[in-house]
Amino acid sequence: MGTVDEYGRIAITDRKKDIIISGGENISSIEVESVFYDHDEIQEAAVIALPHEKWGETPHAIIVRKEGSELSEEEIIAFSREKLAHFKCPTAVTFLEELPKTASGKIQKVKLRNLAVEES
């Protein structure tokens, strides 16, 4: 997905699958992820959409904590609420030791979506 400015320049903003539509609002997973990278105890983060009965989808964070951190789900959600509009904040958090990646190092969000759906 992207935007076109007044001069016809195209800016890629996100992948279509990485846009979360919650209650009619579009949420960029990249925007939410970038907030988590500002936290001192978070090593890696990914945000995916999970189905939600009322809102259609809600953001779900998958977090890799830095070594020695005991950061909780509540602390992560509270941190995101300080930095983002509330509708953009995750409603739940999953902790992993590492995120699945391709050979080139890209996070495999498809695998994370499947894992999160299996857990819920």
PDB file of N, CA and C in Angstrom:
ATOM      1  N   MET A   1       0.853  -1.165   0.000  1.00  0.00           N
ATOM      2  CA  MET A   1       0.000   0.000   0.000  1.00  0.00           C
ATOM      3  C   MET A   1       0.896   1.224   0.000  1.00  0.00           C
ATOM      4  N   GLY A   2       0.369   2.311  -0.501  1.00  0.00           N
ATOM      5  CA  GLY A   2       1.178   3.512  -0.559  1.00  0.00           C
ATOM      6  C   GLY A   2       0.351   4.747  -0.799  1.00  0.00           C
ATOM      7  N   THR A   3       1.062   5.852  -0.955  1.00  0.00           N
ATOM      8  CA  THR A   3       0.417   7.124  -1.234  1.00  0.00           C
ATOM      9  C   THR A   3       1.109   7.741  -2.448  1.00  0.00           C
ATOM     10  N   VAL A   4       0.380   8.621  -3.111  1.00  0.00           N
ATOM     11  CA  VAL A   4       0.933   9.364  -4.234  1.00  0.00           C
ATOM     12  C   VAL A   4       0.819  10.836  -3.866  1.00  0.00           C
ATOM     13  N   ASP A   5       1.948  11.566  -3.925  1.00  0.00           N
ATOM     14  CA  ASP A   5       1.890  12.986  -3.579  1.00  0.00           C
ATOM     15  C   ASP A   5       1.503  13.822  -4.785  1.00  0.00           C
ATOM     16  N   GLU A   6       1.457  15.130  -4.594  1.00  0.00           N
ATOM     17  CA  GLU A   6       1.010  16.049  -5.654  1.00  0.00           C
ATOM     18  C   GLU A   6       1.913  16.057  -6.879  1.00  0.00           C
ATOM     19  N   TYR A   7       3.151  15.540  -6.746  1.00  0.00           N
ATOM     20  CA  TYR A   7       4.083  15.483  -7.864  1.00  0.00           C
ATOM     21  C   TYR A   7       4.114  14.110  -8.530  1.00  0.00           C
ATOM     22  N   GLY A   8       3.245  13.217  -8.063  1.00  0.00           N
ATOM     23  CA  GLY A   8       3.190  11.883  -8.628  1.00  0.00           C
ATOM     24  C   GLY A   8       4.184  10.902  -8.040  1.00  0.00           C
ATOM     25  N   ARG A   9       4.885  11.314  -6.981  1.00  0.00           N
ATOM     26  CA  ARG A   9       5.838  10.415  -6.334  1.00  0.00           C
ATOM     27  C   ARG A   9       5.080   9.430  -5.454  1.00  0.00           C
ATOM     28  N   ILE A  10       5.514   8.192  -5.506  1.00  0.00           N
ATOM     29  CA  ILE A  10       4.867   7.119  -4.747  1.00  0.00           C
ATOM     30  C   ILE A  10       5.697   6.816  -3.516  1.00  0.00           C
ATOM     31  N   ALA A  11       5.001   6.711  -2.366  1.00  0.00           N
ATOM     32  CA  ALA A  11       5.667   6.316  -1.126  1.00  0.00           C
ATOM     33  C   ALA A  11       4.997   5.053  -0.620  1.00  0.00           C
ATOM     34  N   ILE A  12       5.774   3.997  -0.461  1.00  0.00           N
ATOM     35  CA  ILE A  12       5.247   2.741   0.071  1.00  0.00           C
ATOM     36  C   ILE A  12       5.107   2.909   1.585  1.00  0.00           C
ATOM     37  N   THR A  13       3.906   2.656   2.101  1.00  0.00           N
ATOM     38  CA  THR A  13       3.677   2.858   3.534  1.00  0.00           C
ATOM     39  C   THR A  13       3.555   1.552   4.303  1.00  0.00           C
ATOM     40  N   ASP A  14       3.069   0.510   3.682  1.00  0.00           N
ATOM     41  CA  ASP A  14       2.897  -0.763   4.375  1.00  0.00           C
ATOM     42  C   ASP A  14       2.429  -1.807   3.377  1.00  0.00           C
ATOM     43  N   ARG A  15       2.492  -3.050   3.783  1.00  0.00           N
ATOM     44  CA  ARG A  15       1.933  -4.131   2.978  1.00  0.00           C
ATOM     45  C   ARG A  15       0.448  -4.230   3.307  1.00  0.00           C
ATOM     46  N   LYS A  16      -0.337  -4.592   2.328  1.00  0.00           N
ATOM     47  CA  LYS A  16      -1.774  -4.666   2.556  1.00  0.00           C
ATOM     48  C   LYS A  16      -2.103  -5.608   3.709  1.00  0.00           C
ATOM     49  N   LYS A  17      -1.430  -6.740   3.800  1.00  0.00           N
ATOM     50  CA  LYS A  17      -1.690  -7.703   4.871  1.00  0.00           C
ATOM     51  C   LYS A  17      -1.276  -7.145   6.229  1.00  0.00           C
ATOM     52  N   ASP A  18      -0.425  -6.117   6.238  1.00  0.00           N
ATOM     53  CA  ASP A  18       0.045  -5.552   7.490  1.00  0.00           C
ATOM     54  C   ASP A  18      -0.785  -4.360   7.944  1.00  0.00           C
ATOM     55  N   ILE A  19      -1.853  -4.070   7.240  1.00  0.00           N
ATOM     56  CA  ILE A  19      -2.800  -3.055   7.681  1.00  0.00           C
ATOM     57  C   ILE A  19      -3.888  -3.768   8.476  1.00  0.00           C
ATOM     58  N   ILE A  20      -4.117  -3.287   9.678  1.00  0.00           N
ATOM     59  CA  ILE A  20      -5.130  -3.859  10.558  1.00  0.00           C
ATOM     60  C   ILE A  20      -6.339  -2.942  10.505  1.00  0.00           C
ATOM     61  N   ILE A  21      -7.500  -3.507  10.260  1.00  0.00           N
ATOM     62  CA  ILE A  21      -8.725  -2.705  10.222  1.00  0.00           C
ATOM     63  C   ILE A  21      -9.543  -3.059  11.454  1.00  0.00           C
ATOM     64  N   SER A  22      -9.565  -2.122  12.395  1.00  0.00           N
ATOM     65  CA  SER A  22     -10.232  -2.340  13.677  1.00  0.00           C
ATOM     66  C   SER A  22     -11.333  -1.308  13.852  1.00  0.00           C
ATOM     67  N   GLY A  23     -12.567  -1.773  13.864  1.00  0.00           N
ATOM     68  CA  GLY A  23     -13.686  -0.854  14.024  1.00  0.00           C
ATOM     69  C   GLY A  23     -13.749   0.204  12.941  1.00  0.00           C
ATOM     70  N   GLY A  24     -13.305  -0.135  11.744  1.00  0.00           N
ATOM     71  CA  GLY A  24     -13.319   0.806  10.621  1.00  0.00           C
ATOM     72  C   GLY A  24     -12.088   1.692  10.543  1.00  0.00           C
ATOM     73  N   GLU A  25     -11.202   1.612  11.508  1.00  0.00           N
ATOM     74  CA  GLU A  25      -9.960   2.401  11.522  1.00  0.00           C
ATOM     75  C   GLU A  25      -8.818   1.583  10.939  1.00  0.00           C
ATOM     76  N   ASN A  26      -8.008   2.191  10.081  1.00  0.00           N
ATOM     77  CA  ASN A  26      -6.827   1.535   9.535  1.00  0.00           C
ATOM     78  C   ASN A  26      -5.646   1.767  10.467  1.00  0.00           C
ATOM     79  N   ILE A  27      -4.970   0.680  10.810  1.00  0.00           N
ATOM     80  CA  ILE A  27      -3.820   0.744  11.710  1.00  0.00           C
ATOM     81  C   ILE A  27      -2.622   0.145  10.991  1.00  0.00           C
ATOM     82  N   SER A  28      -1.542   0.897  10.925  1.00  0.00           N
ATOM     83  CA  SER A  28      -0.306   0.397  10.313  1.00  0.00           C
ATOM     84  C   SER A  28       0.457  -0.401  11.358  1.00  0.00           C
ATOM     85  N   SER A  29       0.703  -1.669  11.063  1.00  0.00           N
ATOM     86  CA  SER A  29       1.469  -2.493  11.997  1.00  0.00           C
ATOM     87  C   SER A  29       2.882  -1.942  12.167  1.00  0.00           C
ATOM     88  N   ILE A  30       3.435  -1.359  11.117  1.00  0.00           N
ATOM     89  CA  ILE A  30       4.785  -0.795  11.187  1.00  0.00           C
ATOM     90  C   ILE A  30       4.830   0.370  12.176  1.00  0.00           C
ATOM     91  N   GLU A  31       3.804   1.189  12.196  1.00  0.00           N
ATOM     92  CA  GLU A  31       3.754   2.306  13.141  1.00  0.00           C
ATOM     93  C   GLU A  31       3.753   1.805  14.580  1.00  0.00           C
ATOM     94  N   VAL A  32       2.944   0.785  14.851  1.00  0.00           N
ATOM     95  CA  VAL A  32       2.860   0.241  16.208  1.00  0.00           C
ATOM     96  C   VAL A  32       4.176  -0.422  16.588  1.00  0.00           C
ATOM     97  N   GLU A  33       4.754  -1.185  15.675  1.00  0.00           N
ATOM     98  CA  GLU A  33       6.037  -1.848  15.934  1.00  0.00           C
ATOM     99  C   GLU A  33       7.128  -0.832  16.264  1.00  0.00           C
ATOM    100  N   SER A  34       7.140   0.283  15.551  1.00  0.00           N
ATOM    101  CA  SER A  34       8.190   1.282  15.785  1.00  0.00           C
ATOM    102  C   SER A  34       8.131   1.849  17.196  1.00  0.00           C
ATOM    103  N   VAL A  35       6.950   1.934  17.776  1.00  0.00           N
ATOM    104  CA  VAL A  35       6.815   2.385  19.162  1.00  0.00           C
ATOM    105  C   VAL A  35       7.483   1.392  20.104  1.00  0.00           C
ATOM    106  N   PHE A  36       7.304   0.112  19.856  1.00  0.00           N
ATOM    107  CA  PHE A  36       7.893  -0.904  20.734  1.00  0.00           C
ATOM    108  C   PHE A  36       9.423  -0.893  20.679  1.00  0.00           C
ATOM    109  N   TYR A  37       9.987  -0.538  19.538  1.00  0.00           N
ATOM    110  CA  TYR A  37      11.445  -0.491  19.434  1.00  0.00           C
ATOM    111  C   TYR A  37      12.048   0.658  20.247  1.00  0.00           C
ATOM    112  N   ASP A  38      11.214   1.579  20.723  1.00  0.00           N
ATOM    113  CA  ASP A  38      11.681   2.652  21.601  1.00  0.00           C
ATOM    114  C   ASP A  38      11.766   2.213  23.057  1.00  0.00           C
ATOM    115  N   HIS A  39      11.246   1.043  23.376  1.00  0.00           N
ATOM    116  CA  HIS A  39      11.260   0.553  24.756  1.00  0.00           C
ATOM    117  C   HIS A  39      12.600  -0.124  25.054  1.00  0.00           C
ATOM    118  N   ASP A  40      13.179   0.217  26.184  1.00  0.00           N
ATOM    119  CA  ASP A  40      14.513  -0.291  26.548  1.00  0.00           C
ATOM    120  C   ASP A  40      14.576  -1.803  26.753  1.00  0.00           C
ATOM    121  N   GLU A  41      13.448  -2.442  27.069  1.00  0.00           N
ATOM    122  CA  GLU A  41      13.472  -3.869  27.382  1.00  0.00           C
ATOM    123  C   GLU A  41      12.956  -4.754  26.249  1.00  0.00           C
ATOM    124  N   ILE A  42      12.678  -4.164  25.103  1.00  0.00           N
ATOM    125  CA  ILE A  42      12.172  -4.938  23.965  1.00  0.00           C
ATOM    126  C   ILE A  42      13.271  -5.076  22.920  1.00  0.00           C
ATOM    127  N   GLN A  43      13.589  -6.318  22.600  1.00  0.00           N
ATOM    128  CA  GLN A  43      14.612  -6.599  21.581  1.00  0.00           C
ATOM    129  C   GLN A  43      14.020  -6.576  20.187  1.00  0.00           C
ATOM    130  N   GLU A  44      12.873  -7.265  20.015  1.00  0.00           N
ATOM    131  CA  GLU A  44      12.202  -7.317  18.718  1.00  0.00           C
ATOM    132  C   GLU A  44      10.696  -7.279  18.934  1.00  0.00           C
ATOM    133  N   ALA A  45       9.993  -6.791  17.913  1.00  0.00           N
ATOM    134  CA  ALA A  45       8.536  -6.725  18.007  1.00  0.00           C
ATOM    135  C   ALA A  45       7.918  -6.912  16.631  1.00  0.00           C
ATOM    136  N   ALA A  46       6.767  -7.537  16.636  1.00  0.00           N
ATOM    137  CA  ALA A  46       5.949  -7.658  15.433  1.00  0.00           C
ATOM    138  C   ALA A  46       4.502  -7.467  15.859  1.00  0.00           C
ATOM    139  N   VAL A  47       3.722  -6.867  14.988  1.00  0.00           N
ATOM    140  CA  VAL A  47       2.302  -6.650  15.274  1.00  0.00           C
ATOM    141  C   VAL A  47       1.502  -7.237  14.121  1.00  0.00           C
ATOM    142  N   ILE A  48       0.516  -8.037  14.483  1.00  0.00           N
ATOM    143  CA  ILE A  48      -0.352  -8.681  13.495  1.00  0.00           C
ATOM    144  C   ILE A  48      -1.803  -8.416  13.860  1.00  0.00           C
ATOM    145  N   ALA A  49      -2.690  -8.730  12.948  1.00  0.00           N
ATOM    146  CA  ALA A  49      -4.130  -8.605  13.212  1.00  0.00           C
ATOM    147  C   ALA A  49      -4.665  -9.939  13.686  1.00  0.00           C
ATOM    148  N   LEU A  50      -5.486  -9.873  14.714  1.00  0.00           N
ATOM    149  CA  LEU A  50      -6.229 -11.057  15.148  1.00  0.00           C
ATOM    150  C   LEU A  50      -7.713 -10.775  14.980  1.00  0.00           C
ATOM    151  N   PRO A  51      -8.481 -11.784  14.581  1.00  0.00           N
ATOM    152  CA  PRO A  51      -9.924 -11.579  14.448  1.00  0.00           C
ATOM    153  C   PRO A  51     -10.536 -11.181  15.795  1.00  0.00           C
ATOM    154  N   HIS A  52     -11.504 -10.267  15.735  1.00  0.00           N
ATOM    155  CA  HIS A  52     -12.201  -9.826  16.940  1.00  0.00           C
ATOM    156  C   HIS A  52     -13.688  -9.754  16.640  1.00  0.00           C
ATOM    157  N   GLU A  53     -14.478 -10.298  17.541  1.00  0.00           N
ATOM    158  CA  GLU A  53     -15.923 -10.390  17.357  1.00  0.00           C
ATOM    159  C   GLU A  53     -16.588  -9.026  17.155  1.00  0.00           C
ATOM    160  N   LYS A  54     -16.178  -8.022  17.922  1.00  0.00           N
ATOM    161  CA  LYS A  54     -16.813  -6.702  17.856  1.00  0.00           C
ATOM    162  C   LYS A  54     -16.148  -5.779  16.832  1.00  0.00           C
ATOM    163  N   TRP A  55     -14.817  -5.743  16.801  1.00  0.00           N
ATOM    164  CA  TRP A  55     -14.083  -4.762  16.009  1.00  0.00           C
ATOM    165  C   TRP A  55     -13.630  -5.282  14.644  1.00  0.00           C
ATOM    166  N   GLY A  56     -13.830  -6.548  14.371  1.00  0.00           N
ATOM    167  CA  GLY A  56     -13.357  -7.129  13.109  1.00  0.00           C
ATOM    168  C   GLY A  56     -11.952  -7.686  13.267  1.00  0.00           C
ATOM    169  N   GLU A  57     -11.005  -6.806  13.613  1.00  0.00           N
ATOM    170  CA  GLU A  57      -9.631  -7.194  13.905  1.00  0.00           C
ATOM    171  C   GLU A  57      -9.120  -6.297  15.028  1.00  0.00           C
ATOM    172  N   THR A  58      -8.138  -6.800  15.754  1.00  0.00           N
ATOM    173  CA  THR A  58      -7.429  -5.971  16.727  1.00  0.00           C
ATOM    174  C   THR A  58      -5.937  -6.257  16.623  1.00  0.00           C
ATOM    175  N   PRO A  59      -5.109  -5.268  16.976  1.00  0.00           N
ATOM    176  CA  PRO A  59      -3.659  -5.489  16.957  1.00  0.00           C
ATOM    177  C   PRO A  59      -3.241  -6.466  18.050  1.00  0.00           C
ATOM    178  N   HIS A  60      -2.324  -7.338  17.697  1.00  0.00           N
ATOM    179  CA  HIS A  60      -1.758  -8.308  18.635  1.00  0.00           C
ATOM    180  C   HIS A  60      -0.239  -8.195  18.518  1.00  0.00           C
ATOM    181  N   ALA A  61       0.428  -7.970  19.647  1.00  0.00           N
ATOM    182  CA  ALA A  61       1.887  -7.801  19.635  1.00  0.00           C
ATOM    183  C   ALA A  61       2.587  -9.112  19.945  1.00  0.00           C
ATOM    184  N   ILE A  62       3.646  -9.374  19.214  1.00  0.00           N
ATOM    185  CA  ILE A  62       4.529 -10.493  19.513  1.00  0.00           C
ATOM    186  C   ILE A  62       5.869  -9.854  19.869  1.00  0.00           C
ATOM    187  N   ILE A  63       6.327 -10.140  21.067  1.00  0.00           N
ATOM    188  CA  ILE A  63       7.477  -9.435  21.626  1.00  0.00           C
ATOM    189  C   ILE A  63       8.588 -10.404  22.003  1.00  0.00           C
ATOM    190  N   VAL A  64       9.811 -10.013  21.693  1.00  0.00           N
ATOM    191  CA  VAL A  64      11.008 -10.689  22.201  1.00  0.00           C
ATOM    192  C   VAL A  64      11.633  -9.715  23.196  1.00  0.00           C
ATOM    193  N   ARG A  65      11.643 -10.120  24.461  1.00  0.00           N
ATOM    194  CA  ARG A  65      12.228  -9.275  25.507  1.00  0.00           C
ATOM    195  C   ARG A  65      13.750  -9.379  25.480  1.00  0.00           C
ATOM    196  N   LYS A  66      14.403  -8.315  25.904  1.00  0.00           N
ATOM    197  CA  LYS A  66      15.852  -8.363  26.055  1.00  0.00           C
ATOM    198  C   LYS A  66      16.194  -9.291  27.215  1.00  0.00           C
ATOM    199  N   GLU A  67      17.385  -9.851  27.165  1.00  0.00           N
ATOM    200  CA  GLU A  67      17.822 -10.792  28.181  1.00  0.00           C
ATOM    201  C   GLU A  67      17.706 -10.169  29.578  1.00  0.00           C
ATOM    202  N   GLY A  68      17.101 -10.931  30.495  1.00  0.00           N
ATOM    203  CA  GLY A  68      16.939 -10.479  31.873  1.00  0.00           C
ATOM    204  C   GLY A  68      15.670  -9.687  32.122  1.00  0.00           C
ATOM    205  N   SER A  69      14.960  -9.311  31.070  1.00  0.00           N
ATOM    206  CA  SER A  69      13.733  -8.531  31.233  1.00  0.00           C
ATOM    207  C   SER A  69      12.576  -9.428  31.653  1.00  0.00           C
ATOM    208  N   GLU A  70      11.741  -8.908  32.516  1.00  0.00           N
ATOM    209  CA  GLU A  70      10.514  -9.594  32.912  1.00  0.00           C
ATOM    210  C   GLU A  70       9.303  -8.735  32.569  1.00  0.00           C
ATOM    211  N   LEU A  71       9.433  -7.949  31.537  1.00  0.00           N
ATOM    212  CA  LEU A  71       8.380  -7.064  31.064  1.00  0.00           C
ATOM    213  C   LEU A  71       7.079  -7.841  30.893  1.00  0.00           C
ATOM    214  N   SER A  72       5.969  -7.296  31.404  1.00  0.00           N
ATOM    215  CA  SER A  72       4.688  -7.996  31.356  1.00  0.00           C
ATOM    216  C   SER A  72       3.810  -7.483  30.215  1.00  0.00           C
ATOM    217  N   GLU A  73       2.791  -8.252  29.926  1.00  0.00           N
ATOM    218  CA  GLU A  73       1.805  -7.859  28.919  1.00  0.00           C
ATOM    219  C   GLU A  73       1.178  -6.518  29.288  1.00  0.00           C
ATOM    220  N   GLU A  74       0.818  -6.348  30.538  1.00  0.00           N
ATOM    221  CA  GLU A  74       0.184  -5.111  30.998  1.00  0.00           C
ATOM    222  C   GLU A  74       1.106  -3.909  30.804  1.00  0.00           C
ATOM    223  N   GLU A  75       2.393  -4.089  31.082  1.00  0.00           N
ATOM    224  CA  GLU A  75       3.355  -2.996  30.916  1.00  0.00           C
ATOM    225  C   GLU A  75       3.511  -2.619  29.443  1.00  0.00           C
ATOM    226  N   ILE A  76       3.498  -3.600  28.578  1.00  0.00           N
ATOM    227  CA  ILE A  76       3.638  -3.330  27.140  1.00  0.00           C
ATOM    228  C   ILE A  76       2.414  -2.584  26.621  1.00  0.00           C
ATOM    229  N   ILE A  77       1.245  -3.018  27.008  1.00  0.00           N
ATOM    230  CA  ILE A  77       0.021  -2.341  26.564  1.00  0.00           C
ATOM    231  C   ILE A  77      -0.022  -0.918  27.114  1.00  0.00           C
ATOM    232  N   ALA A  78       0.329  -0.741  28.391  1.00  0.00           N
ATOM    233  CA  ALA A  78       0.344   0.597  28.993  1.00  0.00           C
ATOM    234  C   ALA A  78       1.347   1.508  28.272  1.00  0.00           C
ATOM    235  N   PHE A  79       2.526   0.978  27.930  1.00  0.00           N
ATOM    236  CA  PHE A  79       3.536   1.745  27.208  1.00  0.00           C
ATOM    237  C   PHE A  79       2.980   2.204  25.860  1.00  0.00           C
ATOM    238  N   SER A  80       2.313   1.297  25.151  1.00  0.00           N
ATOM    239  CA  SER A  80       1.772   1.658  23.837  1.00  0.00           C
ATOM    240  C   SER A  80       0.673   2.717  23.972  1.00  0.00           C
ATOM    241  N   ARG A  81      -0.098   2.667  25.046  1.00  0.00           N
ATOM    242  CA  ARG A  81      -1.173   3.650  25.257  1.00  0.00           C
ATOM    243  C   ARG A  81      -0.630   5.045  25.555  1.00  0.00           C
ATOM    244  N   GLU A  82       0.610   5.119  26.041  1.00  0.00           N
ATOM    245  CA  GLU A  82       1.249   6.425  26.265  1.00  0.00           C
ATOM    246  C   GLU A  82       1.692   7.054  24.948  1.00  0.00           C
ATOM    247  N   LYS A  83       1.925   6.223  23.936  1.00  0.00           N
ATOM    248  CA  LYS A  83       2.537   6.692  22.693  1.00  0.00           C
ATOM    249  C   LYS A  83       1.586   6.737  21.489  1.00  0.00           C
ATOM    250  N   LEU A  84       0.488   5.974  21.561  1.00  0.00           N
ATOM    251  CA  LEU A  84      -0.404   5.822  20.403  1.00  0.00           C
ATOM    252  C   LEU A  84      -1.855   6.103  20.782  1.00  0.00           C
ATOM    253  N   ALA A  85      -2.665   6.350  19.770  1.00  0.00           N
ATOM    254  CA  ALA A  85      -4.120   6.394  19.990  1.00  0.00           C
ATOM    255  C   ALA A  85      -4.543   5.019  20.499  1.00  0.00           C
ATOM    256  N   HIS A  86      -5.491   4.983  21.398  1.00  0.00           N
ATOM    257  CA  HIS A  86      -5.868   3.725  22.046  1.00  0.00           C
ATOM    258  C   HIS A  86      -6.310   2.647  21.069  1.00  0.00           C
ATOM    259  N   PHE A  87      -6.974   3.024  19.971  1.00  0.00           N
ATOM    260  CA  PHE A  87      -7.438   2.006  19.029  1.00  0.00           C
ATOM    261  C   PHE A  87      -6.277   1.318  18.305  1.00  0.00           C
ATOM    262  N   LYS A  88      -5.082   1.922  18.336  1.00  0.00           N
ATOM    263  CA  LYS A  88      -3.911   1.333  17.684  1.00  0.00           C
ATOM    264  C   LYS A  88      -3.145   0.384  18.607  1.00  0.00           C
ATOM    265  N   CYS A  89      -3.472   0.394  19.881  1.00  0.00           N
ATOM    266  CA  CYS A  89      -2.728  -0.392  20.868  1.00  0.00           C
ATOM    267  C   CYS A  89      -3.145  -1.851  20.841  1.00  0.00           C
ATOM    268  N   PRO A  90      -2.190  -2.749  21.082  1.00  0.00           N
ATOM    269  CA  PRO A  90      -2.539  -4.176  21.093  1.00  0.00           C
ATOM    270  C   PRO A  90      -3.484  -4.505  22.245  1.00  0.00           C
ATOM    271  N   THR A  91      -4.336  -5.477  21.984  1.00  0.00           N
ATOM    272  CA  THR A  91      -5.247  -5.952  23.027  1.00  0.00           C
ATOM    273  C   THR A  91      -4.671  -7.157  23.750  1.00  0.00           C
ATOM    274  N   ALA A  92      -3.604  -7.722  23.190  1.00  0.00           N
ATOM    275  CA  ALA A  92      -2.938  -8.865  23.810  1.00  0.00           C
ATOM    276  C   ALA A  92      -1.499  -8.926  23.317  1.00  0.00           C
ATOM    277  N   VAL A  93      -0.675  -9.656  24.082  1.00  0.00           N
ATOM    278  CA  VAL A  93       0.746  -9.779  23.766  1.00  0.00           C
ATOM    279  C   VAL A  93       1.160 -11.237  23.901  1.00  0.00           C
ATOM    280  N   THR A  94       1.947 -11.699  22.962  1.00  0.00           N
ATOM    281  CA  THR A  94       2.570 -13.023  23.039  1.00  0.00           C
ATOM    282  C   THR A  94       4.069 -12.808  23.144  1.00  0.00           C
ATOM    283  N   PHE A  95       4.709 -13.563  24.032  1.00  0.00           N
ATOM    284  CA  PHE A  95       6.165 -13.480  24.181  1.00  0.00           C
ATOM    285  C   PHE A  95       6.811 -14.691  23.530  1.00  0.00           C
ATOM    286  N   LEU A  96       7.856 -14.441  22.740  1.00  0.00           N
ATOM    287  CA  LEU A  96       8.638 -15.505  22.126  1.00  0.00           C
ATOM    288  C   LEU A  96      10.111 -15.281  22.434  1.00  0.00           C
ATOM    289  N   GLU A  97      10.880 -16.343  22.314  1.00  0.00           N
ATOM    290  CA  GLU A  97      12.329 -16.244  22.494  1.00  0.00           C
ATOM    291  C   GLU A  97      12.986 -15.613  21.270  1.00  0.00           C
ATOM    292  N   GLU A  98      12.388 -15.848  20.086  1.00  0.00           N
ATOM    293  CA  GLU A  98      12.855 -15.232  18.850  1.00  0.00           C
ATOM    294  C   GLU A  98      11.720 -15.231  17.846  1.00  0.00           C
ATOM    295  N   LEU A  99      11.776 -14.306  16.905  1.00  0.00           N
ATOM    296  CA  LEU A  99      10.762 -14.221  15.858  1.00  0.00           C
ATOM    297  C   LEU A  99      11.215 -15.058  14.664  1.00  0.00           C
ATOM    298  N   PRO A 100      10.286 -15.764  14.018  1.00  0.00           N
ATOM    299  CA  PRO A 100      10.664 -16.536  12.825  1.00  0.00           C
ATOM    300  C   PRO A 100      11.041 -15.583  11.687  1.00  0.00           C
ATOM    301  N   LYS A 101      12.135 -15.922  11.004  1.00  0.00           N
ATOM    302  CA  LYS A 101      12.624 -15.043   9.938  1.00  0.00           C
ATOM    303  C   LYS A 101      12.974 -15.854   8.699  1.00  0.00           C
ATOM    304  N   THR A 102      12.958 -15.156   7.577  1.00  0.00           N
ATOM    305  CA  THR A 102      13.400 -15.756   6.317  1.00  0.00           C
ATOM    306  C   THR A 102      14.921 -15.791   6.308  1.00  0.00           C
ATOM    307  N   ALA A 103      15.483 -16.390   5.279  1.00  0.00           N
ATOM    308  CA  ALA A 103      16.941 -16.453   5.141  1.00  0.00           C
ATOM    309  C   ALA A 103      17.546 -15.056   5.045  1.00  0.00           C
ATOM    310  N   SER A 104      16.784 -14.098   4.540  1.00  0.00           N
ATOM    311  CA  SER A 104      17.296 -12.724   4.414  1.00  0.00           C
ATOM    312  C   SER A 104      17.045 -11.896   5.676  1.00  0.00           C
ATOM    313  N   GLY A 105      16.420 -12.495   6.694  1.00  0.00           N
ATOM    314  CA  GLY A 105      16.225 -11.798   7.968  1.00  0.00           C
ATOM    315  C   GLY A 105      14.898 -11.093   8.134  1.00  0.00           C
ATOM    316  N   LYS A 106      13.986 -11.241   7.163  1.00  0.00           N
ATOM    317  CA  LYS A 106      12.669 -10.610   7.279  1.00  0.00           C
ATOM    318  C   LYS A 106      11.774 -11.440   8.197  1.00  0.00           C
ATOM    319  N   ILE A 107      11.049 -10.749   9.074  1.00  0.00           N
ATOM    320  CA  ILE A 107      10.135 -11.437   9.989  1.00  0.00           C
ATOM    321  C   ILE A 107       9.019 -12.087   9.192  1.00  0.00           C
ATOM    322  N   GLN A 108       8.737 -13.350   9.495  1.00  0.00           N
ATOM    323  CA  GLN A 108       7.691 -14.103   8.798  1.00  0.00           C
ATOM    324  C   GLN A 108       6.365 -13.932   9.534  1.00  0.00           C
ATOM    325  N   LYS A 109       5.634 -12.906   9.148  1.00  0.00           N
ATOM    326  CA  LYS A 109       4.373 -12.610   9.828  1.00  0.00           C
ATOM    327  C   LYS A 109       3.316 -13.673   9.570  1.00  0.00           C
ATOM    328  N   VAL A 110       3.406 -14.372   8.448  1.00  0.00           N
ATOM    329  CA  VAL A 110       2.446 -15.447   8.179  1.00  0.00           C
ATOM    330  C   VAL A 110       2.554 -16.515   9.272  1.00  0.00           C
ATOM    331  N   LYS A 111       3.771 -16.883   9.622  1.00  0.00           N
ATOM    332  CA  LYS A 111       3.965 -17.864  10.688  1.00  0.00           C
ATOM    333  C   LYS A 111       3.456 -17.332  12.017  1.00  0.00           C
ATOM    334  N   LEU A 112       3.677 -16.039  12.266  1.00  0.00           N
ATOM    335  CA  LEU A 112       3.195 -15.449  13.523  1.00  0.00           C
ATOM    336  C   LEU A 112       1.670 -15.418  13.572  1.00  0.00           C
ATOM    337  N   ARG A 113       1.034 -15.126  12.445  1.00  0.00           N
ATOM    338  CA  ARG A 113      -0.434 -15.135  12.391  1.00  0.00           C
ATOM    339  C   ARG A 113      -0.966 -16.543  12.702  1.00  0.00           C
ATOM    340  N   ASN A 114      -0.359 -17.537  12.076  1.00  0.00           N
ATOM    341  CA  ASN A 114      -0.798 -18.923  12.305  1.00  0.00           C
ATOM    342  C   ASN A 114      -0.610 -19.324  13.764  1.00  0.00           C
ATOM    343  N   LEU A 115       0.515 -18.966  14.351  1.00  0.00           N
ATOM    344  CA  LEU A 115       0.787 -19.280  15.750  1.00  0.00           C
ATOM    345  C   LEU A 115      -0.232 -18.593  16.670  1.00  0.00           C
ATOM    346  N   ALA A 116      -0.511 -17.327  16.416  1.00  0.00           N
ATOM    347  CA  ALA A 116      -1.438 -16.577  17.257  1.00  0.00           C
ATOM    348  C   ALA A 116      -2.867 -17.118  17.145  1.00  0.00           C
ATOM    349  N   VAL A 117      -3.274 -17.504  15.942  1.00  0.00           N
ATOM    350  CA  VAL A 117      -4.618 -18.060  15.754  1.00  0.00           C
ATOM    351  C   VAL A 117      -4.737 -19.392  16.482  1.00  0.00           C
ATOM    352  N   GLU A 118      -3.673 -20.201  16.420  1.00  0.00           N
ATOM    353  CA  GLU A 118      -3.691 -21.500  17.129  1.00  0.00           C
ATOM    354  C   GLU A 118      -3.816 -21.299  18.637  1.00  0.00           C
ATOM    355  N   GLU A 119      -3.151 -20.257  19.170  1.00  0.00           N
ATOM    356  CA  GLU A 119      -3.193 -19.996  20.614  1.00  0.00           C
ATOM    357  C   GLU A 119      -4.546 -19.488  21.082  1.00  0.00           C
ATOM    358  N   SER A 120      -5.257 -18.744  20.218  1.00  0.00           N
ATOM    359  CA  SER A 120      -6.519 -18.143  20.655  1.00  0.00           C
ATOM    360  C   SER A 120      -7.730 -19.004  20.430  1.00  0.00           C
TER     361      SER A 120
END
